[in-house]
Protein backbone atom coordinates (compact mmCIF):
# COMPACT_ATOMS: atom_id res chain seq x y z
CA MET A 1 86.51 92.77 55.66
CA GLU A 2 83.03 93.26 56.02
CA LEU A 3 83.34 91.26 59.12
CA ASN A 4 85.56 92.77 61.06
CA VAL A 5 83.17 96.14 60.65
CA ASP A 6 80.35 94.35 61.76
CA LYS A 7 82.20 92.96 64.53
CA LYS A 8 83.07 97.08 65.22
CA ILE A 9 80.24 98.45 65.16
CA GLU A 10 78.36 95.41 67.54
CA PHE A 11 80.80 95.61 69.62
CA LYS A 12 80.22 99.55 69.79
CA ASP A 13 76.53 98.78 70.62
CA LYS A 14 77.09 96.48 73.39
CA LEU A 15 79.47 99.06 74.73
CA ASN A 16 76.62 102.10 74.68
CA SER A 17 74.04 99.89 75.53
CA PHE A 18 76.27 98.75 78.90
CA TYR A 19 76.79 102.21 79.61
CA SER A 20 73.27 103.84 79.18
CA GLU A 21 72.09 100.79 81.36
CA ASN A 22 74.59 101.01 84.33
CA LYS A 23 75.49 104.60 83.79
CA LEU A 24 74.80 105.69 87.39
CA LYS A 25 76.93 102.53 88.84
CA ILE A 26 79.32 103.50 87.04
CA TYR A 27 79.77 107.26 88.53
CA ILE A 28 79.33 106.10 91.87
CA VAL A 29 82.24 103.41 91.26
CA ILE A 30 84.38 105.80 89.89
CA PHE A 31 83.08 108.38 93.01
CA ILE A 32 84.24 105.56 95.54
CA VAL A 33 87.36 105.23 94.00
CA ILE A 34 88.59 108.93 93.65
CA SER A 35 87.25 109.51 97.48
CA SER A 36 89.44 106.37 98.44
CA VAL A 37 92.08 108.02 96.58
CA ILE A 38 91.59 111.19 98.15
CA SER A 39 90.92 109.99 101.79
CA ILE A 40 93.82 107.50 101.99
CA ASN A 41 96.47 111.30 100.55
CA LEU A 42 94.93 113.25 103.02
CA PHE A 43 95.37 110.20 105.61
CA ASN A 44 98.84 109.75 104.88
CA THR A 45 99.86 113.28 104.81
CA ASN A 46 98.19 113.82 108.42
CA LYS A 47 100.31 111.12 109.73
CA GLU A 48 103.59 112.59 108.47
CA LYS A 49 102.44 115.99 109.94
CA LYS A 50 102.02 114.14 113.32
CA ASN A 51 105.06 112.16 112.98
CA GLU A 52 107.52 115.70 111.79
CA LEU A 53 105.88 117.46 115.28
CA ILE A 54 106.03 114.60 117.23
CA ALA A 55 110.09 114.52 115.71
CA GLU A 56 110.68 118.37 116.98
CA LYS A 57 109.19 117.88 120.19
CA TYR A 58 111.93 115.06 120.27
CA ILE A 59 114.66 117.12 119.53
CA GLN A 60 113.23 120.13 121.53
CA ALA A 61 112.84 117.96 125.05
CA GLY A 62 116.63 116.77 124.07
CA LEU A 63 117.80 120.49 123.94
CA LEU A 64 115.58 121.22 127.28
CA SER A 65 117.72 118.94 128.80
CA SER A 66 121.50 119.46 127.61
CA SER A 67 120.22 122.91 129.21
CA ASN A 68 119.40 121.77 132.58
CA LYS A 69 115.21 122.41 132.21
CA GLN A 70 114.50 118.90 133.31
CA GLU A 71 110.93 119.57 134.31
CA LYS A 72 109.83 121.18 131.19
CA SER A 73 112.12 118.27 129.31
CA LYS A 74 110.24 115.61 131.21
CA LYS A 75 106.91 116.29 129.96
CA ILE A 76 107.80 116.89 126.45
CA TYR A 77 109.11 113.32 126.60
CA GLU A 78 106.07 111.85 128.66
CA GLU A 79 103.72 113.87 125.89
CA ILE A 80 105.74 112.09 123.34
CA ILE A 81 105.13 108.44 124.82
CA LEU A 82 101.73 108.52 125.67
CA SER A 83 101.04 109.86 121.93
CA GLU A 84 102.15 106.50 121.15
CA ASN A 85 104.30 106.86 118.14
CA ASN A 86 105.81 104.21 117.19
CA PHE A 87 109.76 105.44 117.17
CA TYR A 88 109.77 108.41 119.11
CA SER A 89 108.13 106.98 122.72
CA ILE A 90 111.01 103.98 122.51
CA LEU A 91 113.65 106.91 122.27
CA SER A 92 112.21 109.13 124.97
CA LEU A 93 111.61 106.37 127.44
CA ASN A 94 115.10 105.44 126.81
CA ALA A 95 115.92 109.16 127.47
CA ILE A 96 114.01 109.25 130.56
CA LEU A 97 115.66 106.49 131.98
CA GLU A 98 118.94 107.81 130.88
CA GLU A 99 118.73 110.91 132.53
CA ASN A 100 116.66 109.53 135.50
CA LEU A 101 114.06 112.10 135.10
CA ILE A 102 111.20 109.74 136.79
CA THR A 103 111.83 108.24 139.95
CA ASP A 104 108.37 106.83 140.45
CA LYS A 105 108.63 102.80 139.56
CA ASN A 106 104.93 102.93 138.70
CA LYS A 107 104.54 105.12 135.96
CA ILE A 108 108.33 104.01 134.40
CA LEU A 109 106.47 100.49 134.64
CA GLU A 110 103.45 102.18 132.82
CA TYR A 111 105.68 103.65 130.35
CA PHE A 112 107.59 100.04 129.67
CA SER A 113 103.83 98.40 128.92
CA ILE A 114 102.87 101.15 126.32
CA VAL A 115 106.09 101.10 124.59
CA GLU A 116 105.99 97.07 124.68
CA LYS A 117 102.33 97.56 122.81
CA LEU A 118 103.45 99.26 120.23
CA THR A 119 106.64 97.14 119.17
CA LYS A 120 106.38 95.16 116.48
CA SER A 121 109.68 93.35 116.32
CA ASN A 122 110.61 90.62 118.18
CA ASP A 123 114.18 91.78 118.30
CA GLN A 124 113.09 95.57 119.34
CA LEU A 125 110.55 93.90 122.37
CA ASP A 126 113.48 91.82 123.31
CA LEU A 127 115.84 94.66 124.23
CA ILE A 128 112.85 96.32 125.82
CA PHE A 129 112.19 93.56 127.98
CA PHE A 130 116.27 93.49 128.89
CA LYS A 131 116.04 97.23 129.84
CA LYS A 132 112.70 96.80 131.60
CA ALA A 133 114.98 93.86 133.68
CA LEU A 134 117.41 95.93 133.98
CA PHE A 135 115.27 98.95 135.63
CA LEU A 136 113.55 96.65 137.87
CA ILE A 137 116.95 95.00 139.14
CA LYS A 138 118.00 98.77 139.70
CA LYS A 139 114.99 99.55 141.67
CA GLN A 140 115.53 96.57 144.33
CA GLU A 141 112.80 94.18 142.13
CA ILE A 142 115.41 91.70 141.79
CA THR A 143 113.30 88.39 141.50
CA GLU A 144 111.15 90.34 138.95
CA GLY A 145 114.10 91.31 137.14
CA LYS A 146 115.54 88.19 137.19
CA ALA A 147 112.42 86.75 136.07
CA ILE A 148 112.19 88.57 132.64
CA LEU A 149 115.72 87.86 132.27
CA GLU A 150 115.42 83.91 132.33
CA LYS A 151 112.46 84.37 129.80
CA LEU A 152 114.90 85.98 127.51
CA ILE A 153 117.19 83.39 128.20
CA ASN A 154 114.53 80.30 127.83
CA LYS A 155 113.25 82.60 124.66
CA GLU A 156 116.74 82.34 122.90
CA SER A 157 116.68 85.77 122.32
CA LYS A 158 119.29 87.64 120.91
CA TYR A 159 120.02 89.38 124.47
CA LYS A 160 120.37 85.64 126.25
CA PHE A 161 124.00 86.44 126.45
CA LEU A 162 123.55 89.97 127.96
CA ALA A 163 121.02 88.24 130.36
CA GLU A 164 123.17 85.67 131.31
CA GLU A 165 126.01 88.10 132.61
CA VAL A 166 123.36 89.96 134.19
CA LEU A 167 122.44 87.09 136.17
CA GLU A 168 125.70 85.71 136.94
CA LYS A 169 126.29 88.98 138.98
């Protein structure tokens, strides 16, 4: 029994001596951990607020478009694409293409390149390439469009069948 008591006392002494020798280091580590947790939370909160703001802008652009205020709608969609939001940038480019809000081919291709950089999944990237190919073919850039479709076919993409159908026509 006395051995257990001695071990407990010895352990307490070691713990106290460790604490007194490393007090500053312990406080610094605690401060760094707390600061990191707070910083991560602030970063995530800020990111969520930005995402909500972009979502609201996307909805606003859709409402403006449906009420025939195409110019205002176009500016908001462009702003969303330039914000490089992973989700809403793609949707905005789709809306611009569907509603023919921008006629400048170079500007649309620039937006395609922005969206391509944001895309993480291969399937989503293939879909963007497919839409880009269709856009190029529509704008009489047939060889460039067909080249993209050929890449999709050679890549064994999910859109291989659609690409083959477009090339047949």
